[in-house]
Amino acid sequence: MKITGVETFHVKPRWIFVKVTTDEGIIGWGECDLEGYNLVTAAAVDSLKDIIIGQDPRNIEYLYKVMYASGFYRAGGAVYSAISGIEQALWDIKGKWLNVPVWQLLGGKSRDRIRMYAHICGNIDYTERDEQECRDLLVENAKIKVKKGFKSLKTPFLCPYRHIETPAMVTRFVERIAKIREAIGDDIDLAVDFHGRVSPAMAPWLCRELEPYGLMFIEEPVLPENVDVMAKIARMTTIPIATGERKFTTFEYREVLEKQAATVLQPDVCHAGGISQVMKIAAMGENYYCSLAPHNPLGPLALAACLQIDTVIPNFTAQEHPTMEEGWDLGAVYLKKPFEIVDGYIEIPQGPGLGVEVDEDGIKENSYDGRWGTPTAFFKDDNSFAQW
């Protein structure tokens, strides 16, 4: 079997799908979104296809290494994401060739269904609302998700945070979390995403104030570039620390683990290097008693790849997914059979490969030019840039 073609498709609302074709008619699909840099990522896929066309798609480890290392210079997020999407498609091809789900090739199942965690911020602009309205909306959204059966929820910071903040700002945010916890009770997991917006000066204070609310984890309490700083924060709180969405390959996770900067790892199958790299990161994490909550605020093919990993790894906590009401992310317009979340869980996928059948008509109808900018925030008093 030989690879004959590699194509990318920019699809709404902000994703890139990768299609790999073979001379035996087996087609593999993957996803390689890199929020804000999708045009660059698509160009990277176009460059990488010259390396793999004519190769046997079943030699996944070999092709990963060739894509990763043949350029001499180690890549950044756009190239790693491009590799990730192609690598997922190679697994899809291999599973279809053998007529088994990818999870069977990765070692078989460790569970019967996949626990999901939902975002509770919704598609609402909170920046122009007062604190009481923000709090009420978050509490209502949390109640809705729990009513739908979710056992795990996450809420982000919804405002810019200065390097040194006032006690009033701290109190407002902590009261917001307190109200959410009061509304959902103690039987529901609740995580908070600092999103790297908080400084090392403020993170310990916030963590201390949030400890009474029994959080599942705090995500990116500080920016992820300086692992020593994150490790320092981790030693100052009893709340589990999570990180990883902006880390690539096993090499970048090595430092996180050796310095014990986090106990919940969040590799993104669309960024970290693909399915094999996330499996290796899970194995590395297991040696440090870390669990995985794979990052995925993306589309249905990313979810399909995540579910294969989630099925296998023993150190799994919960799978992120935004579960937008429009159903885009569950594949309502891109999959012939969209995913279904029942009582907060998705059943183990049983179809061959990634277990999904792509609707190419849906792709054609929802294509766009690929331009999408990540949200930005600015402080109102001086219009200076707020960390994202």
Protein backbone atom coordinates (compact mmCIF):
# COMPACT_ATOMS: atom_id res chain seq x y z
CA MET A 1 0.00 0.00 0.00
CA LYS A 2 1.27 3.48 -0.88
CA ILE A 3 0.20 7.01 0.02
CA THR A 4 -1.02 8.81 -3.10
CA GLY A 5 -2.30 12.12 -1.75
CA VAL A 6 -2.60 14.44 1.25
CA GLU A 7 -5.21 17.22 1.34
CA THR A 8 -6.36 19.79 3.88
CA PHE A 9 -9.82 21.30 4.30
CA HIS A 10 -10.57 24.46 6.25
CA VAL A 11 -14.02 23.95 7.77
CA LYS A 12 -16.23 26.05 10.01
CA PRO A 13 -16.13 27.14 12.70
CA ARG A 14 -12.26 27.04 12.80
CA TRP A 15 -10.86 23.57 12.05
CA ILE A 16 -8.57 21.84 9.56
CA PHE A 17 -9.29 18.30 8.43
CA VAL A 18 -6.56 16.20 6.79
CA LYS A 19 -7.34 13.53 4.20
CA VAL A 20 -4.73 10.92 3.27
CA THR A 21 -5.47 8.70 0.25
CA THR A 22 -3.85 5.42 -0.80
CA ASP A 23 -3.48 3.34 -3.95
CA GLU A 24 -5.72 0.67 -2.41
CA GLY A 25 -8.64 3.06 -1.99
CA ILE A 26 -8.41 3.27 1.82
CA ILE A 27 -8.78 6.85 3.05
CA GLY A 28 -7.63 8.17 6.41
CA TRP A 29 -8.81 11.30 8.18
CA GLY A 30 -7.26 13.46 10.87
CA GLU A 31 -7.51 16.95 12.36
CA CYS A 32 -4.71 19.47 12.85
CA ASP A 33 -6.19 22.76 14.03
CA LEU A 34 -3.84 25.30 15.59
CA GLU A 35 -6.05 28.12 16.76
CA GLY A 36 -5.09 31.38 15.04
CA TYR A 37 -2.46 29.76 12.80
CA ASN A 38 -4.45 27.40 10.62
CA LEU A 39 -3.16 28.88 7.37
CA VAL A 40 0.40 28.24 8.50
CA THR A 41 -0.49 24.72 9.62
CA ALA A 42 -2.09 23.91 6.25
CA ALA A 43 1.09 25.10 4.53
CA ALA A 44 3.08 22.80 6.80
CA VAL A 45 0.90 19.84 5.79
CA ASP A 46 1.54 20.75 2.17
CA SER A 47 5.30 20.65 2.80
CA LEU A 48 5.17 17.37 4.70
CA LYS A 49 3.21 15.55 2.02
CA ASP A 50 6.27 15.58 -0.22
CA ILE A 51 8.04 13.47 2.41
CA ILE A 52 5.34 10.80 2.77
CA ILE A 53 3.71 10.41 -0.67
CA GLY A 54 4.79 7.07 -2.07
CA GLN A 55 5.43 5.65 1.40
CA ASP A 56 3.56 2.80 3.09
CA PRO A 57 1.02 4.45 5.47
CA ARG A 58 1.13 1.46 7.82
CA ASN A 59 4.66 2.33 8.95
CA ILE A 60 3.38 4.98 11.33
CA GLU A 61 6.33 5.21 13.72
CA TYR A 62 8.79 5.47 10.83
CA LEU A 63 6.77 8.16 9.04
CA TYR A 64 6.37 10.15 12.25
CA LYS A 65 10.12 10.16 12.77
CA VAL A 66 10.79 11.17 9.17
CA MET A 67 8.30 14.07 9.37
CA TYR A 68 9.59 15.14 12.78
CA ALA A 69 13.32 14.96 12.18
CA SER A 70 14.09 15.19 8.46
CA GLY A 71 13.87 18.98 8.45
CA PHE A 72 16.92 19.18 10.78
CA TYR A 73 15.42 22.09 12.76
CA ARG A 74 12.89 20.97 15.35
CA ALA A 75 9.48 22.34 14.59
CA GLY A 76 7.07 24.66 16.35
CA GLY A 77 3.34 24.43 16.95
CA ALA A 78 2.27 24.69 13.30
CA VAL A 79 4.49 21.84 12.11
CA TYR A 80 3.77 19.66 15.13
CA SER A 81 0.05 20.17 14.49
CA ALA A 82 0.48 19.29 10.82
CA ILE A 83 2.32 16.10 11.79
CA SER A 84 -0.42 15.31 14.31
CA GLY A 85 -3.22 15.48 11.75
CA ILE A 86 -1.36 13.32 9.26
CA GLU A 87 -0.43 10.80 11.96
CA GLN A 88 -4.07 10.43 13.03
CA ALA A 89 -4.99 9.74 9.42
CA LEU A 90 -2.31 7.03 9.20
CA TRP A 91 -3.82 5.28 12.22
CA ASP A 92 -7.24 5.60 10.62
CA ILE A 93 -5.92 3.89 7.49
CA LYS A 94 -4.25 1.09 9.43
CA GLY A 95 -7.37 0.39 11.48
CA LYS A 96 -9.52 0.32 8.36
CA TRP A 97 -7.02 -1.97 6.60
CA LEU A 98 -7.20 -4.43 9.53
CA ASN A 99 -10.94 -3.75 10.10
CA VAL A 100 -10.46 -2.96 13.80
CA PRO A 101 -10.71 0.19 15.93
CA VAL A 102 -7.43 1.94 16.57
CA TRP A 103 -7.79 1.25 20.29
CA GLN A 104 -7.45 -2.46 19.59
CA LEU A 105 -4.08 -1.78 17.97
CA LEU A 106 -2.98 0.37 20.91
CA GLY A 107 -3.51 -2.38 23.49
CA GLY A 108 -7.24 -2.92 23.96
CA LYS A 109 -9.71 -1.25 26.28
CA SER A 110 -9.23 -0.25 29.90
CA ARG A 111 -12.84 0.92 30.33
CA ASP A 112 -16.28 0.52 28.77
CA ARG A 113 -17.14 4.19 28.24
CA ILE A 114 -15.39 7.56 28.23
CA ARG A 115 -16.10 10.16 30.88
CA MET A 116 -16.43 13.64 29.37
CA TYR A 117 -16.09 17.03 31.00
CA ALA A 118 -18.01 20.02 29.71
CA HIS A 119 -17.30 23.74 29.56
CA ILE A 120 -19.82 25.90 31.38
CA CYS A 121 -18.90 29.32 29.97
CA GLY A 122 -21.09 28.82 26.90
CA ASN A 123 -20.92 30.95 23.76
CA ILE A 124 -21.42 34.18 25.67
CA ASP A 125 -19.33 37.36 25.77
CA TYR A 126 -18.87 37.97 29.48
CA THR A 127 -16.57 40.96 29.10
CA GLU A 128 -19.39 43.49 28.81
CA ARG A 129 -21.48 42.06 31.66
CA ASP A 130 -21.35 42.95 35.34
CA GLU A 131 -20.13 40.44 37.91
CA GLN A 132 -23.57 39.44 39.17
CA GLU A 133 -24.77 38.68 35.64
CA CYS A 134 -21.60 36.69 34.86
CA ARG A 135 -22.02 34.67 38.03
CA ASP A 136 -25.68 33.97 37.37
CA LEU A 137 -25.01 32.85 33.80
CA LEU A 138 -22.22 30.50 34.87
CA VAL A 139 -24.31 28.99 37.62
CA GLU A 140 -27.23 28.46 35.25
CA ASN A 141 -24.97 26.88 32.62
CA ALA A 142 -23.46 24.58 35.25
CA LYS A 143 -26.92 23.44 36.33
CA ILE A 144 -27.87 22.74 32.70
CA LYS A 145 -24.77 20.58 32.16
CA VAL A 146 -25.38 18.62 35.35
CA LYS A 147 -29.00 18.09 34.36
CA LYS A 148 -27.74 16.64 31.08
CA GLY A 149 -25.72 14.10 33.03
CA PHE A 150 -22.22 15.55 33.11
CA LYS A 151 -20.23 14.61 36.21
CA SER A 152 -17.29 16.90 35.42
CA LEU A 153 -17.30 20.60 34.53
CA LYS A 154 -14.75 23.33 33.85
CA THR A 155 -14.91 27.11 33.95
CA PRO A 156 -12.21 29.53 32.78
CA PHE A 157 -11.16 32.97 33.88
CA LEU A 158 -13.44 35.28 31.95
CA CYS A 159 -11.60 38.53 32.51
CA PRO A 160 -8.09 39.94 32.16
CA TYR A 161 -5.95 39.66 35.27
CA ARG A 162 -3.18 42.06 36.16
CA HIS A 163 0.23 40.99 37.43
CA ILE A 164 -0.77 42.30 40.85
CA GLU A 165 -4.50 42.37 41.49
CA THR A 166 -6.68 43.85 44.20
CA PRO A 167 -8.26 41.86 47.04
CA ALA A 168 -11.65 42.78 45.57
CA MET A 169 -10.76 41.09 42.27
CA VAL A 170 -9.69 37.93 44.08
CA THR A 171 -12.86 37.93 46.14
CA ARG A 172 -15.09 38.32 43.09
CA PHE A 173 -13.56 35.34 41.34
CA VAL A 174 -13.54 33.11 44.41
CA GLU A 175 -17.18 33.96 45.12
CA ARG A 176 -17.99 32.99 41.53
CA ILE A 177 -16.49 29.53 42.07
CA ALA A 178 -18.19 29.26 45.46
CA LYS A 179 -21.60 29.89 43.87
CA ILE A 180 -20.98 27.30 41.17
CA ARG A 181 -19.93 24.72 43.76
CA GLU A 182 -22.98 25.50 45.87
CA ALA A 183 -25.24 25.04 42.84
CA ILE A 184 -23.82 21.70 41.66
CA GLY A 185 -22.97 20.09 45.00
CA ASP A 186 -19.95 18.05 46.00
CA ASP A 187 -20.66 15.01 43.82
CA ILE A 188 -19.66 16.87 40.65
CA ASP A 189 -16.03 17.48 39.65
CA LEU A 190 -15.23 21.13 39.00
CA ALA A 191 -12.04 22.38 37.35
CA VAL A 192 -10.85 25.96 36.88
CA ASP A 193 -8.75 27.09 33.91
CA PHE A 194 -6.44 29.99 34.77
CA HIS A 195 -5.32 29.80 31.10
CA GLY A 196 -1.91 31.23 31.97
CA ARG A 197 -3.51 34.60 32.64
CA VAL A 198 -2.43 34.69 36.28
CA SER A 199 1.03 35.78 37.40
CA PRO A 200 3.28 33.82 39.78
CA ALA A 201 2.63 36.62 42.27
CA MET A 202 -1.14 36.03 42.28
CA ALA A 203 -1.45 32.29 41.59
CA PRO A 204 -0.59 31.11 45.15
CA TRP A 205 -3.10 33.55 46.64
CA LEU A 206 -5.88 32.41 44.32
CA CYS A 207 -5.04 28.74 44.81
CA ARG A 208 -5.18 29.14 48.59
CA GLU A 209 -8.58 30.84 48.43
CA LEU A 210 -9.95 28.16 46.07
CA GLU A 211 -8.80 25.16 48.12
CA PRO A 212 -12.04 24.90 50.17
CA TYR A 213 -14.04 24.18 46.99
CA GLY A 214 -12.45 20.82 46.22
CA LEU A 215 -11.40 21.46 42.63
CA MET A 216 -10.61 18.61 40.24
CA PHE A 217 -7.65 20.69 39.03
CA ILE A 218 -6.42 24.17 38.21
CA GLU A 219 -5.27 24.38 34.60
CA GLU A 220 -2.24 26.46 33.63
CA PRO A 221 -2.02 28.40 36.90
CA VAL A 222 0.81 30.31 35.23
CA LEU A 223 2.17 30.41 31.70
CA PRO A 224 3.69 27.06 30.66
CA GLU A 225 7.03 28.21 29.21
CA ASN A 226 8.85 28.34 32.57
CA VAL A 227 8.30 24.92 34.11
CA ASP A 228 10.21 25.81 37.29
CA VAL A 229 7.65 28.50 38.12
CA MET A 230 4.75 26.10 37.61
CA ALA A 231 6.49 23.50 39.79
CA LYS A 232 6.83 26.12 42.53
CA ILE A 233 3.09 26.85 42.39
CA ALA A 234 2.31 23.11 42.45
CA ARG A 235 4.23 22.76 45.73
CA MET A 236 2.24 25.61 47.28
CA THR A 237 -1.26 24.17 46.90
CA THR A 238 -3.21 20.98 47.56
CA ILE A 239 -5.22 21.46 44.35
CA PRO A 240 -3.98 19.25 41.48
CA ILE A 241 -2.23 21.25 38.76
CA ALA A 242 -2.94 20.51 35.09
CA THR A 243 -0.99 21.60 32.04
CA GLY A 244 -0.06 20.50 28.56
CA GLU A 245 -2.18 22.01 25.80
CA ARG A 246 0.78 24.20 24.78
CA LYS A 247 3.38 21.44 25.13
CA PHE A 248 4.56 19.37 22.18
CA THR A 249 5.95 15.81 22.01
CA THR A 250 7.44 13.72 24.79
CA PHE A 251 10.49 15.99 24.97
CA GLU A 252 8.55 18.94 26.39
CA TYR A 253 6.61 16.72 28.78
CA ARG A 254 9.82 15.27 30.19
CA GLU A 255 10.62 18.49 32.03
CA VAL A 256 7.07 18.84 33.40
CA LEU A 257 7.26 15.34 34.84
CA GLU A 258 10.81 15.46 36.18
CA LYS A 259 10.12 18.73 38.00
CA GLN A 260 6.68 17.49 39.12
CA ALA A 261 5.04 20.65 37.88
CA ALA A 262 1.67 18.95 37.29
CA THR A 263 -0.24 15.82 38.25
CA VAL A 264 -2.81 16.07 35.44
CA LEU A 265 -1.40 16.08 31.90
CA GLN A 266 -3.34 17.62 29.02
CA PRO A 267 -1.70 16.71 25.72
CA ASP A 268 -3.66 17.70 22.62
CA VAL A 269 -3.73 15.00 19.96
CA CYS A 270 -3.88 17.77 17.31
CA HIS A 271 -0.72 19.50 18.59
CA ALA A 272 1.45 17.11 20.59
CA GLY A 273 2.45 14.90 17.66
CA GLY A 274 -0.56 12.65 17.21
CA ILE A 275 -1.89 9.46 18.75
CA SER A 276 1.45 7.70 19.32
CA GLN A 277 2.98 10.71 21.08
CA VAL A 278 0.00 11.08 23.41
CA MET A 279 0.20 7.36 24.23
CA LYS A 280 3.88 7.78 25.09
CA ILE A 281 3.15 10.86 27.21
CA ALA A 282 0.54 8.82 29.09
CA ALA A 283 3.09 6.08 29.75
CA MET A 284 5.65 8.60 30.96
CA GLY A 285 3.03 10.19 33.21
CA GLU A 286 2.07 6.84 34.71
CA ASN A 287 5.61 6.52 36.13
CA TYR A 288 4.98 9.75 38.05
CA TYR A 289 1.44 8.77 39.10
CA CYS A 290 -0.03 11.41 36.79
CA SER A 291 -3.34 11.08 34.99
CA LEU A 292 -4.45 12.42 31.60
CA ALA A 293 -7.30 14.77 30.80
CA PRO A 294 -6.59 15.26 27.08
CA HIS A 295 -7.07 18.77 25.78
CA ASN A 296 -9.71 19.09 23.06
CA PRO A 297 -11.80 22.21 22.46
CA LEU A 298 -11.73 21.26 18.78
CA GLY A 299 -13.70 19.24 16.23
CA PRO A 300 -15.16 15.76 15.77
CA LEU A 301 -12.09 14.15 14.21
CA ALA A 302 -9.95 15.32 17.13
CA LEU A 303 -12.56 13.83 19.45
CA ALA A 304 -12.50 10.56 17.49
CA ALA A 305 -8.71 10.35 17.93
CA CYS A 306 -8.92 11.22 21.63
CA LEU A 307 -11.48 8.49 22.29
CA GLN A 308 -9.12 5.85 20.90
CA ILE A 309 -6.48 6.91 23.43
CA ASP A 310 -8.94 7.34 26.30
CA THR A 311 -10.18 3.80 25.78
CA VAL A 312 -6.71 2.33 26.29
CA ILE A 313 -4.72 4.31 28.83
CA PRO A 314 -5.11 3.25 32.48
CA ASN A 315 -4.32 6.72 33.87
CA PHE A 316 -7.30 8.56 32.40
CA THR A 317 -9.34 11.18 34.28
CA ALA A 318 -11.79 12.79 31.85
CA GLN A 319 -11.97 13.96 28.25
CA GLU A 320 -12.37 17.66 27.52
CA HIS A 321 -14.99 18.66 25.02
CA PRO A 322 -16.86 21.96 24.70
CA THR A 323 -20.16 20.27 23.68
CA MET A 324 -21.49 23.37 21.95
CA GLU A 325 -25.24 23.44 21.65
CA GLU A 326 -25.01 23.77 17.87
CA GLY A 327 -23.48 20.30 17.71
CA TRP A 328 -20.61 21.30 15.40
CA ASP A 329 -18.03 19.65 17.62
CA LEU A 330 -19.94 16.37 17.89
CA GLY A 331 -19.90 16.10 14.11
CA ALA A 332 -23.47 17.08 13.30
CA VAL A 333 -22.48 18.33 9.84
CA TYR A 334 -19.22 16.43 9.24
CA LEU A 335 -19.92 12.86 10.33
CA LYS A 336 -22.54 10.53 8.91
CA LYS A 337 -23.16 9.38 12.47
CA PRO A 338 -22.35 12.15 15.01
CA PHE A 339 -21.15 11.34 18.50
CA GLU A 340 -23.69 11.10 21.27
CA ILE A 341 -23.02 11.99 24.89
CA VAL A 342 -25.32 10.14 27.28
CA ASP A 343 -25.23 10.96 30.99
CA GLY A 344 -21.84 12.58 30.54
CA TYR A 345 -20.22 9.62 28.77
CA ILE A 346 -19.46 8.47 25.22
CA GLU A 347 -19.51 4.77 24.49
CA ILE A 348 -16.31 3.09 23.29
CA PRO A 349 -16.08 3.52 19.48
CA GLN A 350 -16.52 0.23 17.65
CA GLY A 351 -15.95 1.15 13.98
CA PRO A 352 -12.64 0.49 12.19
CA GLY A 353 -9.89 3.07 12.31
CA LEU A 354 -11.00 6.19 14.16
CA GLY A 355 -14.51 4.78 14.13
CA VAL A 356 -16.15 7.58 12.15
CA GLU A 357 -17.38 8.04 8.59
CA VAL A 358 -16.74 11.52 7.23
CA ASP A 359 -19.47 13.29 5.23
CA GLU A 360 -17.51 15.02 2.48
CA ASP A 361 -20.61 16.88 1.32
CA GLY A 362 -20.72 18.50 4.76
CA ILE A 363 -17.10 19.54 4.34
CA LYS A 364 -17.81 21.15 0.95
CA GLU A 365 -20.84 22.99 2.26
CA ASN A 366 -19.01 24.37 5.31
CA SER A 367 -15.59 25.20 3.93
CA TYR A 368 -14.11 28.66 4.46
CA ASP A 369 -10.82 30.47 3.87
CA GLY A 370 -9.21 29.36 7.15
CA ARG A 371 -8.78 32.82 8.64
CA TRP A 372 -9.63 32.92 12.34
CA GLY A 373 -8.05 34.98 15.08
CA THR A 374 -7.80 33.95 18.70
CA PRO A 375 -9.70 36.21 21.11
CA THR A 376 -7.73 39.06 22.65
CA ALA A 377 -8.30 41.13 25.77
CA PHE A 378 -7.13 44.57 26.83
CA PHE A 379 -7.29 46.40 30.14
CA LYS A 380 -9.94 49.10 29.95
CA ASP A 381 -8.09 51.78 31.89
CA ASP A 382 -4.95 51.97 29.73
CA ASN A 383 -5.68 49.67 26.75
CA SER A 384 -2.62 47.54 27.48
CA PHE A 385 -2.61 43.92 26.33
CA ALA A 386 -3.92 41.33 28.76
CA GLN A 387 -2.23 37.93 28.78
CA TRP A 388 -4.09 35.18 26.91
